[in-house]
């Protein structure tokens, strides 16, 4: 599980507990720095190093990215050969097509989250050819006040599910989200 901006792996505590009770082994990473100053490609490299250190080359994992962590995990999957290790991917409230809030803070990682940024244009140019090779779930809320417009979370790929959660971060503690993920993993 890969967190978003200003978060740590602890943001997943509720979700982690739910899925551990279901028998899953859960790993979370703390991206450093986590406040938008780092290039998202560098954070993706941290994800690669973490996954390479925890799993052998034959093991397939489920990868989940929340918010900024969704873009970091996509870069890992699409540009750092992550598809070799991952067979299921879950994106939760990620700015897959940017967020208008990124226009207000001129930090490197946040600039990359602007709609039509070079970073996003690069990822979105071949999203179907890359992520289309694995099973994908995108969860989003129409009430998101961090991902503006909220539909910017959509990848137009795999299974996309709208969950009417009132606050961006609550996507990680809402039981309806857990049930949607559980259903996706057990198809």
N, C-alpha and C. Protein backbone atom coordinates (compact mmCIF):
# COMPACT_ATOMS: atom_id res chain seq x y z
N UNK A 1 0.85 -1.17 0.00
CA UNK A 1 0.00 0.00 0.00
C UNK A 1 0.90 1.23 0.00
N UNK A 2 0.60 2.16 -0.90
CA UNK A 2 1.42 3.36 -1.06
C UNK A 2 0.55 4.59 -0.81
N UNK A 3 0.95 5.38 0.15
CA UNK A 3 0.17 6.53 0.63
C UNK A 3 0.28 7.75 -0.27
N UNK A 4 -0.50 8.76 0.09
CA UNK A 4 -0.50 10.03 -0.63
C UNK A 4 0.33 11.09 0.05
N UNK A 5 0.16 12.31 -0.43
CA UNK A 5 0.95 13.45 0.04
C UNK A 5 0.68 13.72 1.52
N UNK A 6 1.71 14.04 2.25
CA UNK A 6 1.74 14.34 3.70
C UNK A 6 1.34 13.16 4.58
N UNK A 7 1.14 11.99 4.00
CA UNK A 7 0.76 10.81 4.78
C UNK A 7 1.96 9.91 5.02
N UNK A 8 1.72 8.86 5.79
CA UNK A 8 2.66 7.76 5.95
C UNK A 8 1.86 6.47 5.76
N UNK A 9 2.50 5.35 5.88
CA UNK A 9 1.80 4.08 5.79
C UNK A 9 0.72 3.91 6.84
N UNK A 10 0.80 4.67 7.93
CA UNK A 10 -0.20 4.57 9.00
C UNK A 10 -1.59 4.99 8.54
N UNK A 11 -1.68 5.73 7.45
CA UNK A 11 -2.99 6.15 6.95
C UNK A 11 -3.84 4.94 6.56
N UNK A 12 -3.20 3.80 6.35
CA UNK A 12 -3.89 2.58 5.95
C UNK A 12 -4.28 1.69 7.13
N UNK A 13 -4.11 2.13 8.36
CA UNK A 13 -4.31 1.24 9.51
C UNK A 13 -5.66 0.52 9.51
N UNK A 14 -6.75 1.24 9.24
CA UNK A 14 -8.08 0.59 9.23
C UNK A 14 -8.17 -0.44 8.12
N UNK A 15 -7.75 -0.06 6.94
CA UNK A 15 -7.80 -0.96 5.79
C UNK A 15 -6.88 -2.17 6.01
N UNK A 16 -5.71 -1.89 6.54
CA UNK A 16 -4.73 -2.95 6.81
C UNK A 16 -5.32 -3.99 7.77
N UNK A 17 -5.94 -3.51 8.85
CA UNK A 17 -6.54 -4.40 9.83
C UNK A 17 -7.65 -5.25 9.20
N UNK A 18 -8.49 -4.62 8.39
CA UNK A 18 -9.59 -5.33 7.73
C UNK A 18 -9.05 -6.47 6.87
N UNK A 19 -8.04 -6.19 6.06
CA UNK A 19 -7.55 -7.22 5.13
C UNK A 19 -6.63 -8.23 5.81
N UNK A 20 -5.97 -7.85 6.90
CA UNK A 20 -5.22 -8.84 7.67
C UNK A 20 -6.18 -9.85 8.29
N UNK A 21 -7.33 -9.37 8.75
CA UNK A 21 -8.34 -10.27 9.30
C UNK A 21 -8.87 -11.24 8.24
N UNK A 22 -8.76 -10.87 6.98
CA UNK A 22 -9.18 -11.73 5.86
C UNK A 22 -8.07 -12.67 5.41
N UNK A 23 -6.89 -12.57 6.05
CA UNK A 23 -5.79 -13.47 5.74
C UNK A 23 -4.71 -12.92 4.84
N UNK A 24 -4.81 -11.66 4.46
CA UNK A 24 -3.78 -11.04 3.62
C UNK A 24 -2.60 -10.57 4.45
N UNK A 25 -1.41 -10.68 3.91
CA UNK A 25 -0.23 -10.06 4.50
C UNK A 25 -0.10 -8.69 3.85
N UNK A 26 -0.05 -7.66 4.66
CA UNK A 26 -0.07 -6.28 4.16
C UNK A 26 1.26 -5.59 4.43
N UNK A 27 1.76 -4.91 3.42
CA UNK A 27 2.97 -4.11 3.53
C UNK A 27 2.63 -2.67 3.19
N UNK A 28 3.19 -1.74 3.95
CA UNK A 28 3.05 -0.32 3.62
C UNK A 28 4.45 0.29 3.60
N UNK A 29 4.60 1.31 2.78
CA UNK A 29 5.87 2.01 2.66
C UNK A 29 5.66 3.45 3.10
N UNK A 30 6.69 4.04 3.68
CA UNK A 30 6.69 5.47 3.99
C UNK A 30 7.57 6.17 2.97
N UNK A 31 6.96 6.91 2.06
CA UNK A 31 7.71 7.66 1.05
C UNK A 31 8.37 8.88 1.69
N UNK A 32 9.63 9.12 1.34
CA UNK A 32 10.37 10.25 1.91
C UNK A 32 11.05 11.02 0.78
N UNK A 33 10.81 12.32 0.69
CA UNK A 33 9.88 13.15 1.45
C UNK A 33 8.44 12.92 0.96
N UNK A 34 7.50 13.24 1.80
CA UNK A 34 6.10 12.95 1.50
C UNK A 34 5.24 14.20 1.33
N UNK A 35 5.85 15.35 1.12
CA UNK A 35 5.05 16.58 1.09
C UNK A 35 5.11 17.34 -0.23
N UNK A 36 5.36 16.63 -1.32
CA UNK A 36 5.24 17.23 -2.64
C UNK A 36 6.49 17.83 -3.24
N UNK A 37 7.60 17.81 -2.50
CA UNK A 37 8.83 18.41 -3.04
C UNK A 37 9.59 17.46 -3.96
N UNK A 38 9.39 16.17 -3.79
CA UNK A 38 10.14 15.18 -4.58
C UNK A 38 9.46 14.89 -5.91
N UNK A 39 10.27 14.61 -6.90
CA UNK A 39 9.79 14.15 -8.20
C UNK A 39 9.09 12.80 -7.97
N UNK A 40 7.90 12.63 -8.53
CA UNK A 40 7.15 11.39 -8.34
C UNK A 40 7.91 10.19 -8.90
N UNK A 41 8.76 10.40 -9.89
CA UNK A 41 9.57 9.31 -10.43
C UNK A 41 10.57 8.80 -9.39
N UNK A 42 11.10 9.71 -8.57
CA UNK A 42 12.01 9.31 -7.50
C UNK A 42 11.27 8.52 -6.42
N UNK A 43 10.04 8.93 -6.12
CA UNK A 43 9.24 8.18 -5.14
C UNK A 43 8.90 6.79 -5.69
N UNK A 44 8.65 6.70 -6.98
CA UNK A 44 8.39 5.40 -7.60
C UNK A 44 9.61 4.49 -7.49
N UNK A 45 10.78 5.08 -7.57
CA UNK A 45 12.01 4.30 -7.42
C UNK A 45 12.10 3.74 -6.00
N UNK A 46 11.62 4.50 -5.00
CA UNK A 46 11.57 3.99 -3.62
C UNK A 46 10.64 2.78 -3.55
N UNK A 47 9.50 2.87 -4.23
CA UNK A 47 8.56 1.74 -4.26
C UNK A 47 9.22 0.52 -4.89
N UNK A 48 9.91 0.71 -5.99
CA UNK A 48 10.61 -0.40 -6.66
C UNK A 48 11.63 -1.05 -5.72
N UNK A 49 12.45 -0.24 -5.08
CA UNK A 49 13.46 -0.78 -4.16
C UNK A 49 12.81 -1.54 -3.01
N UNK A 50 11.72 -0.99 -2.48
CA UNK A 50 11.00 -1.64 -1.38
C UNK A 50 10.45 -2.99 -1.83
N UNK A 51 9.76 -3.02 -2.95
CA UNK A 51 9.16 -4.26 -3.44
C UNK A 51 10.25 -5.28 -3.78
N UNK A 52 11.32 -4.84 -4.42
CA UNK A 52 12.42 -5.76 -4.75
C UNK A 52 13.05 -6.35 -3.50
N UNK A 53 13.06 -5.59 -2.40
CA UNK A 53 13.66 -6.09 -1.16
C UNK A 53 12.75 -7.06 -0.41
N UNK A 54 11.45 -6.98 -0.66
CA UNK A 54 10.49 -7.80 0.09
C UNK A 54 10.05 -9.07 -0.64
N UNK A 55 10.13 -9.06 -1.97
CA UNK A 55 9.58 -10.17 -2.75
C UNK A 55 10.59 -10.68 -3.76
N UNK A 56 10.59 -12.01 -3.98
CA UNK A 56 11.48 -12.56 -5.00
C UNK A 56 10.87 -12.34 -6.38
N UNK A 57 11.64 -12.61 -7.40
CA UNK A 57 11.22 -12.28 -8.77
C UNK A 57 10.02 -13.10 -9.25
N UNK A 58 9.75 -14.24 -8.62
CA UNK A 58 8.62 -15.07 -9.04
C UNK A 58 7.31 -14.69 -8.35
N UNK A 59 7.40 -14.00 -7.23
CA UNK A 59 6.20 -13.66 -6.48
C UNK A 59 5.41 -12.56 -7.18
N UNK A 60 4.08 -12.75 -7.23
CA UNK A 60 3.18 -11.74 -7.77
C UNK A 60 2.44 -11.11 -6.60
N UNK A 61 2.29 -9.79 -6.66
CA UNK A 61 1.66 -9.08 -5.55
C UNK A 61 0.47 -8.27 -6.04
N UNK A 62 -0.31 -7.81 -5.07
CA UNK A 62 -1.39 -6.85 -5.30
C UNK A 62 -0.83 -5.50 -4.86
N UNK A 63 -0.94 -4.50 -5.70
CA UNK A 63 -0.41 -3.17 -5.39
C UNK A 63 -1.55 -2.18 -5.30
N UNK A 64 -1.54 -1.36 -4.25
CA UNK A 64 -2.58 -0.36 -4.04
C UNK A 64 -1.92 1.00 -3.85
N UNK A 65 -2.44 2.01 -4.54
CA UNK A 65 -1.95 3.37 -4.40
C UNK A 65 -3.10 4.31 -4.10
N UNK A 66 -2.91 5.17 -3.10
CA UNK A 66 -3.93 6.16 -2.72
C UNK A 66 -3.45 7.55 -3.07
N UNK A 67 -4.30 8.31 -3.73
CA UNK A 67 -4.04 9.71 -4.04
C UNK A 67 -2.72 9.86 -4.80
N UNK A 68 -1.79 10.67 -4.31
CA UNK A 68 -0.49 10.80 -4.98
C UNK A 68 0.18 9.43 -5.13
N UNK A 69 -0.03 8.55 -4.16
CA UNK A 69 0.52 7.20 -4.23
C UNK A 69 0.01 6.42 -5.43
N UNK A 70 -1.17 6.79 -5.93
CA UNK A 70 -1.68 6.17 -7.14
C UNK A 70 -0.83 6.51 -8.35
N UNK A 71 -0.35 7.75 -8.42
CA UNK A 71 0.53 8.13 -9.54
C UNK A 71 1.91 7.52 -9.38
N UNK A 72 2.39 7.48 -8.15
CA UNK A 72 3.70 6.87 -7.88
C UNK A 72 3.68 5.40 -8.27
N UNK A 73 2.62 4.69 -7.89
CA UNK A 73 2.53 3.27 -8.23
C UNK A 73 2.35 3.06 -9.73
N UNK A 74 1.62 3.95 -10.37
CA UNK A 74 1.47 3.84 -11.83
C UNK A 74 2.82 4.00 -12.51
N UNK A 75 3.63 4.94 -12.06
CA UNK A 75 4.94 5.11 -12.67
C UNK A 75 5.79 3.85 -12.47
N UNK A 76 5.72 3.30 -11.26
CA UNK A 76 6.43 2.04 -10.99
C UNK A 76 5.97 0.95 -11.96
N UNK A 77 4.66 0.80 -12.10
CA UNK A 77 4.12 -0.23 -12.98
C UNK A 77 4.45 0.00 -14.44
N UNK A 78 4.25 1.23 -14.89
CA UNK A 78 4.35 1.53 -16.32
C UNK A 78 5.76 1.83 -16.82
N UNK A 79 6.65 2.28 -15.93
CA UNK A 79 7.97 2.71 -16.39
C UNK A 79 9.15 2.01 -15.71
N UNK A 80 8.89 1.32 -14.60
CA UNK A 80 9.99 0.67 -13.86
C UNK A 80 9.82 -0.85 -13.82
N UNK A 81 9.14 -1.40 -14.80
CA UNK A 81 8.95 -2.85 -14.93
C UNK A 81 8.16 -3.48 -13.79
N UNK A 82 7.32 -2.70 -13.13
CA UNK A 82 6.51 -3.23 -12.04
C UNK A 82 5.51 -4.27 -12.48
N UNK A 83 5.15 -4.25 -13.76
CA UNK A 83 4.19 -5.25 -14.25
C UNK A 83 4.71 -6.67 -14.11
N UNK A 84 6.03 -6.81 -14.00
CA UNK A 84 6.61 -8.14 -13.82
C UNK A 84 6.31 -8.72 -12.44
N UNK A 85 6.04 -7.86 -11.47
CA UNK A 85 5.80 -8.32 -10.09
C UNK A 85 4.35 -8.22 -9.65
N UNK A 86 3.56 -7.42 -10.36
CA UNK A 86 2.19 -7.12 -9.91
C UNK A 86 1.19 -7.77 -10.85
N UNK A 87 0.18 -8.44 -10.27
CA UNK A 87 -0.87 -8.97 -11.15
C UNK A 87 -2.24 -8.35 -10.88
N UNK A 88 -2.35 -7.56 -9.80
CA UNK A 88 -3.58 -6.83 -9.52
C UNK A 88 -3.21 -5.45 -8.98
N UNK A 89 -3.91 -4.44 -9.49
CA UNK A 89 -3.61 -3.05 -9.11
C UNK A 89 -4.89 -2.34 -8.70
N UNK A 90 -4.80 -1.61 -7.58
CA UNK A 90 -5.93 -0.85 -7.06
C UNK A 90 -5.52 0.61 -6.90
N UNK A 91 -6.27 1.48 -7.54
CA UNK A 91 -6.04 2.92 -7.47
C UNK A 91 -7.21 3.54 -6.72
N UNK A 92 -6.92 4.26 -5.63
CA UNK A 92 -7.97 4.88 -4.84
C UNK A 92 -7.79 6.40 -4.85
N UNK A 93 -8.80 7.09 -5.36
CA UNK A 93 -8.82 8.56 -5.37
C UNK A 93 -7.48 9.16 -5.80
N UNK A 94 -6.96 8.67 -6.89
CA UNK A 94 -5.68 9.18 -7.42
C UNK A 94 -5.97 10.22 -8.51
N UNK A 95 -5.12 11.23 -8.64
CA UNK A 95 -5.31 12.23 -9.70
C UNK A 95 -4.78 11.72 -11.04
N UNK A 96 -5.37 10.65 -11.54
CA UNK A 96 -4.87 10.01 -12.75
C UNK A 96 -4.86 10.92 -13.97
N UNK A 97 -5.72 11.91 -13.95
CA UNK A 97 -5.74 12.91 -15.02
C UNK A 97 -5.48 14.30 -14.45
N UNK A 98 -4.88 14.35 -13.27
CA UNK A 98 -4.52 15.61 -12.64
C UNK A 98 -5.58 16.12 -11.67
N UNK A 99 -5.18 17.13 -10.91
CA UNK A 99 -6.11 17.83 -10.03
C UNK A 99 -5.85 19.32 -10.14
N UNK A 100 -6.92 20.08 -10.22
CA UNK A 100 -6.77 21.54 -10.33
C UNK A 100 -6.14 22.15 -9.09
N UNK A 101 -6.19 21.47 -7.95
CA UNK A 101 -5.53 21.99 -6.74
C UNK A 101 -4.02 22.11 -6.93
N UNK A 102 -3.46 21.34 -7.83
CA UNK A 102 -2.01 21.36 -8.06
C UNK A 102 -1.53 22.69 -8.65
N UNK A 103 -2.46 23.52 -9.11
CA UNK A 103 -2.07 24.83 -9.64
C UNK A 103 -1.72 25.82 -8.53
N UNK A 104 -2.05 25.48 -7.28
CA UNK A 104 -1.85 26.42 -6.18
C UNK A 104 -0.53 26.25 -5.43
N UNK A 105 0.18 25.15 -5.67
CA UNK A 105 1.43 24.90 -4.94
C UNK A 105 2.52 24.51 -5.94
N UNK A 106 3.54 25.36 -6.10
CA UNK A 106 4.57 25.11 -7.12
C UNK A 106 5.73 24.22 -6.66
N UNK A 107 5.42 23.06 -6.10
CA UNK A 107 6.46 22.11 -5.69
C UNK A 107 6.55 21.01 -6.76
N UNK A 108 7.73 20.46 -6.95
CA UNK A 108 8.00 19.51 -8.04
C UNK A 108 6.95 18.41 -8.17
N UNK A 109 6.72 17.67 -7.10
CA UNK A 109 5.77 16.56 -7.15
C UNK A 109 4.34 17.01 -7.37
N UNK A 110 4.00 18.17 -6.85
CA UNK A 110 2.65 18.70 -7.03
C UNK A 110 2.46 19.20 -8.45
N UNK A 111 3.48 19.84 -9.01
CA UNK A 111 3.41 20.28 -10.41
C UNK A 111 3.13 19.10 -11.34
N UNK A 112 3.67 17.95 -11.01
CA UNK A 112 3.45 16.75 -11.83
C UNK A 112 2.01 16.25 -11.76
N UNK A 113 1.26 16.72 -10.76
CA UNK A 113 -0.14 16.31 -10.61
C UNK A 113 -1.11 17.28 -11.28
N UNK A 114 -0.59 18.29 -11.95
CA UNK A 114 -1.46 19.21 -12.69
C UNK A 114 -2.04 18.50 -13.91
N UNK A 115 -3.29 18.83 -14.27
CA UNK A 115 -3.84 18.28 -15.52
C UNK A 115 -2.91 18.61 -16.69
N UNK A 116 -2.69 17.66 -17.54
CA UNK A 116 -1.86 17.81 -18.76
C UNK A 116 -0.38 18.06 -18.48
N UNK A 117 0.08 17.76 -17.27
CA UNK A 117 1.52 17.88 -17.01
C UNK A 117 2.26 16.89 -17.90
N UNK A 118 3.53 17.14 -18.15
CA UNK A 118 4.32 16.21 -18.97
C UNK A 118 4.34 14.82 -18.33
N UNK A 119 4.42 14.80 -17.01
CA UNK A 119 4.43 13.54 -16.27
C UNK A 119 3.16 12.73 -16.58
N UNK A 120 1.99 13.38 -16.46
CA UNK A 120 0.73 12.68 -16.70
C UNK A 120 0.53 12.35 -18.18
N UNK A 121 0.95 13.22 -19.06
CA UNK A 121 0.85 12.92 -20.48
C UNK A 121 1.65 11.66 -20.81
N UNK A 122 2.82 11.55 -20.22
CA UNK A 122 3.65 10.36 -20.44
C UNK A 122 2.94 9.10 -19.94
N UNK A 123 2.41 9.14 -18.71
CA UNK A 123 1.74 7.95 -18.16
C UNK A 123 0.47 7.61 -18.92
N UNK A 124 -0.28 8.62 -19.32
CA UNK A 124 -1.58 8.36 -19.94
C UNK A 124 -1.50 7.97 -21.41
N UNK A 125 -0.36 8.21 -22.04
CA UNK A 125 -0.26 7.89 -23.47
C UNK A 125 -0.37 6.39 -23.76
N UNK A 126 0.06 5.56 -22.83
CA UNK A 126 0.01 4.11 -23.09
C UNK A 126 -0.60 3.34 -21.92
N UNK A 127 -1.51 3.98 -21.21
CA UNK A 127 -2.09 3.35 -20.03
C UNK A 127 -2.81 2.04 -20.38
N UNK A 128 -3.53 2.01 -21.47
CA UNK A 128 -4.26 0.79 -21.84
C UNK A 128 -3.30 -0.34 -22.23
N UNK A 129 -2.22 0.01 -22.92
CA UNK A 129 -1.25 -1.01 -23.34
C UNK A 129 -0.44 -1.56 -22.17
N UNK A 130 -0.25 -0.76 -21.14
CA UNK A 130 0.55 -1.21 -19.99
C UNK A 130 -0.35 -1.77 -18.89
N UNK A 131 -1.14 -0.93 -18.26
CA UNK A 131 -1.99 -1.41 -17.17
C UNK A 131 -3.06 -2.38 -17.65
N UNK A 132 -3.37 -2.34 -18.93
CA UNK A 132 -4.34 -3.28 -19.49
C UNK A 132 -3.88 -4.73 -19.43
N UNK A 133 -2.62 -4.95 -19.10
CA UNK A 133 -2.07 -6.31 -19.00
C UNK A 133 -2.39 -6.97 -17.66
N UNK A 134 -2.84 -6.17 -16.68
CA UNK A 134 -3.14 -6.72 -15.36
C UNK A 134 -4.56 -6.34 -14.95
N UNK A 135 -5.03 -6.98 -13.91
CA UNK A 135 -6.37 -6.72 -13.37
C UNK A 135 -6.33 -5.41 -12.57
N UNK A 136 -7.18 -4.44 -12.94
CA UNK A 136 -7.15 -3.12 -12.31
C UNK A 136 -8.51 -2.73 -11.74
N UNK A 137 -8.47 -2.08 -10.58
CA UNK A 137 -9.66 -1.51 -9.95
C UNK A 137 -9.37 -0.05 -9.63
N UNK A 138 -10.28 0.83 -10.05
CA UNK A 138 -10.18 2.25 -9.71
C UNK A 138 -11.38 2.61 -8.85
N UNK A 139 -11.12 3.13 -7.66
CA UNK A 139 -12.19 3.58 -6.76
C UNK A 139 -12.11 5.10 -6.65
N UNK A 140 -13.26 5.75 -6.74
CA UNK A 140 -13.28 7.21 -6.66
C UNK A 140 -14.57 7.68 -6.01
N UNK A 141 -14.55 8.89 -5.48
CA UNK A 141 -15.74 9.48 -4.89
C UNK A 141 -16.10 10.76 -5.64
N UNK A 142 -17.37 10.96 -5.93
CA UNK A 142 -17.78 12.19 -6.61
C UNK A 142 -17.68 13.42 -5.69
N UNK A 143 -17.47 13.19 -4.40
CA UNK A 143 -17.39 14.29 -3.43
C UNK A 143 -15.96 14.70 -3.11
N UNK A 144 -15.01 14.20 -3.87
CA UNK A 144 -13.60 14.46 -3.60
C UNK A 144 -13.28 15.94 -3.73
N UNK A 145 -12.69 16.51 -2.69
CA UNK A 145 -12.30 17.93 -2.74
C UNK A 145 -10.79 18.08 -2.89
N UNK A 146 -10.09 16.98 -3.07
CA UNK A 146 -8.65 17.01 -3.35
C UNK A 146 -8.39 16.73 -4.83
N UNK A 147 -9.17 15.84 -5.40
CA UNK A 147 -9.05 15.51 -6.82
C UNK A 147 -10.17 16.28 -7.53
N UNK A 148 -9.79 17.36 -8.18
CA UNK A 148 -10.76 18.26 -8.82
C UNK A 148 -10.42 18.38 -10.30
N UNK A 149 -11.34 17.99 -11.17
CA UNK A 149 -12.64 17.38 -10.90
C UNK A 149 -12.48 15.93 -10.41
N UNK A 150 -13.46 15.47 -9.66
CA UNK A 150 -13.38 14.13 -9.06
C UNK A 150 -13.22 13.03 -10.11
N UNK A 151 -13.82 13.21 -11.27
CA UNK A 151 -13.72 12.19 -12.32
C UNK A 151 -12.31 12.08 -12.88
N UNK A 152 -11.43 12.96 -12.47
CA UNK A 152 -10.03 12.88 -12.88
C UNK A 152 -9.36 11.61 -12.35
N UNK A 153 -9.99 10.97 -11.38
CA UNK A 153 -9.47 9.71 -10.85
C UNK A 153 -9.63 8.55 -11.82
N UNK A 154 -10.55 8.68 -12.76
CA UNK A 154 -10.85 7.57 -13.66
C UNK A 154 -9.70 7.27 -14.61
N UNK A 155 -9.49 5.99 -14.84
CA UNK A 155 -8.46 5.53 -15.78
C UNK A 155 -9.05 5.05 -17.10
N UNK A 156 -10.38 4.86 -17.13
CA UNK A 156 -11.05 4.30 -18.31
C UNK A 156 -10.42 2.95 -18.68
N UNK A 157 -10.26 2.14 -17.65
CA UNK A 157 -9.57 0.86 -17.78
C UNK A 157 -10.00 -0.04 -16.64
N UNK A 158 -10.12 -1.31 -16.90
CA UNK A 158 -10.44 -2.26 -15.84
C UNK A 158 -11.80 -1.96 -15.23
N UNK A 159 -11.92 -2.20 -13.95
CA UNK A 159 -13.18 -1.96 -13.23
C UNK A 159 -13.07 -0.61 -12.52
N UNK A 160 -14.05 0.25 -12.74
CA UNK A 160 -14.08 1.56 -12.08
C UNK A 160 -15.35 1.66 -11.25
N UNK A 161 -15.17 2.00 -9.97
CA UNK A 161 -16.30 1.99 -9.05
C UNK A 161 -16.39 3.33 -8.32
N UNK A 162 -17.56 3.92 -8.40
CA UNK A 162 -17.87 5.17 -7.69
C UNK A 162 -18.38 4.80 -6.30
N UNK A 163 -17.75 5.36 -5.27
CA UNK A 163 -18.18 5.12 -3.89
C UNK A 163 -18.45 6.50 -3.28
N UNK A 164 -19.69 6.79 -2.88
CA UNK A 164 -20.03 8.14 -2.41
C UNK A 164 -19.54 8.44 -0.99
N UNK A 165 -18.24 8.50 -0.84
CA UNK A 165 -17.61 8.84 0.45
C UNK A 165 -17.44 10.35 0.49
N UNK A 166 -17.71 10.97 1.63
CA UNK A 166 -17.75 12.44 1.72
C UNK A 166 -16.40 13.14 1.70
N UNK A 167 -15.35 12.48 2.17
CA UNK A 167 -14.05 13.14 2.29
C UNK A 167 -12.97 12.23 1.69
N UNK A 168 -12.05 12.84 0.95
CA UNK A 168 -10.96 12.16 0.25
C UNK A 168 -10.31 11.07 1.12
N UNK A 169 -9.81 11.45 2.27
CA UNK A 169 -9.07 10.50 3.11
C UNK A 169 -9.96 9.41 3.69
N UNK A 170 -11.25 9.67 3.80
CA UNK A 170 -12.17 8.66 4.33
C UNK A 170 -12.29 7.46 3.39
N UNK A 171 -11.80 7.59 2.16
CA UNK A 171 -11.80 6.45 1.24
C UNK A 171 -10.99 5.29 1.82
N UNK A 172 -10.10 5.59 2.76
CA UNK A 172 -9.25 4.55 3.35
C UNK A 172 -9.82 3.95 4.62
N UNK A 173 -10.98 4.42 5.05
CA UNK A 173 -11.57 3.87 6.28
C UNK A 173 -13.05 3.52 6.11
N UNK A 174 -13.59 3.70 4.93
CA UNK A 174 -15.00 3.44 4.69
C UNK A 174 -15.22 1.96 4.34
N UNK A 175 -16.11 1.32 5.07
CA UNK A 175 -16.36 -0.10 4.88
C UNK A 175 -16.84 -0.44 3.46
N UNK A 176 -17.55 0.49 2.81
CA UNK A 176 -18.00 0.23 1.44
C UNK A 176 -16.81 0.08 0.49
N UNK A 177 -15.76 0.84 0.74
CA UNK A 177 -14.53 0.73 -0.07
C UNK A 177 -13.89 -0.63 0.17
N UNK A 178 -13.82 -1.04 1.45
CA UNK A 178 -13.23 -2.34 1.78
C UNK A 178 -13.98 -3.47 1.05
N UNK A 179 -15.31 -3.38 1.07
CA UNK A 179 -16.12 -4.42 0.43
C UNK A 179 -15.91 -4.45 -1.08
N UNK A 180 -15.76 -3.30 -1.70
CA UNK A 180 -15.51 -3.24 -3.15
C UNK A 180 -14.15 -3.87 -3.48
N UNK A 181 -13.15 -3.58 -2.66
CA UNK A 181 -11.82 -4.17 -2.88
C UNK A 181 -11.88 -5.68 -2.67
N UNK A 182 -12.53 -6.10 -1.59
CA UNK A 182 -12.65 -7.52 -1.28
C UNK A 182 -13.34 -8.27 -2.43
N UNK A 183 -14.39 -7.69 -2.95
CA UNK A 183 -15.11 -8.30 -4.07
C UNK A 183 -14.21 -8.40 -5.31
N UNK A 184 -13.46 -7.35 -5.60
CA UNK A 184 -12.54 -7.33 -6.73
C UNK A 184 -11.47 -8.42 -6.60
N UNK A 185 -10.93 -8.57 -5.41
CA UNK A 185 -9.86 -9.55 -5.19
C UNK A 185 -10.36 -10.98 -5.25
N UNK A 186 -11.65 -11.16 -5.03
CA UNK A 186 -12.20 -12.52 -4.99
C UNK A 186 -13.00 -12.89 -6.24
N UNK A 187 -12.84 -12.15 -7.30
CA UNK A 187 -13.54 -12.48 -8.56
C UNK A 187 -12.80 -13.62 -9.24
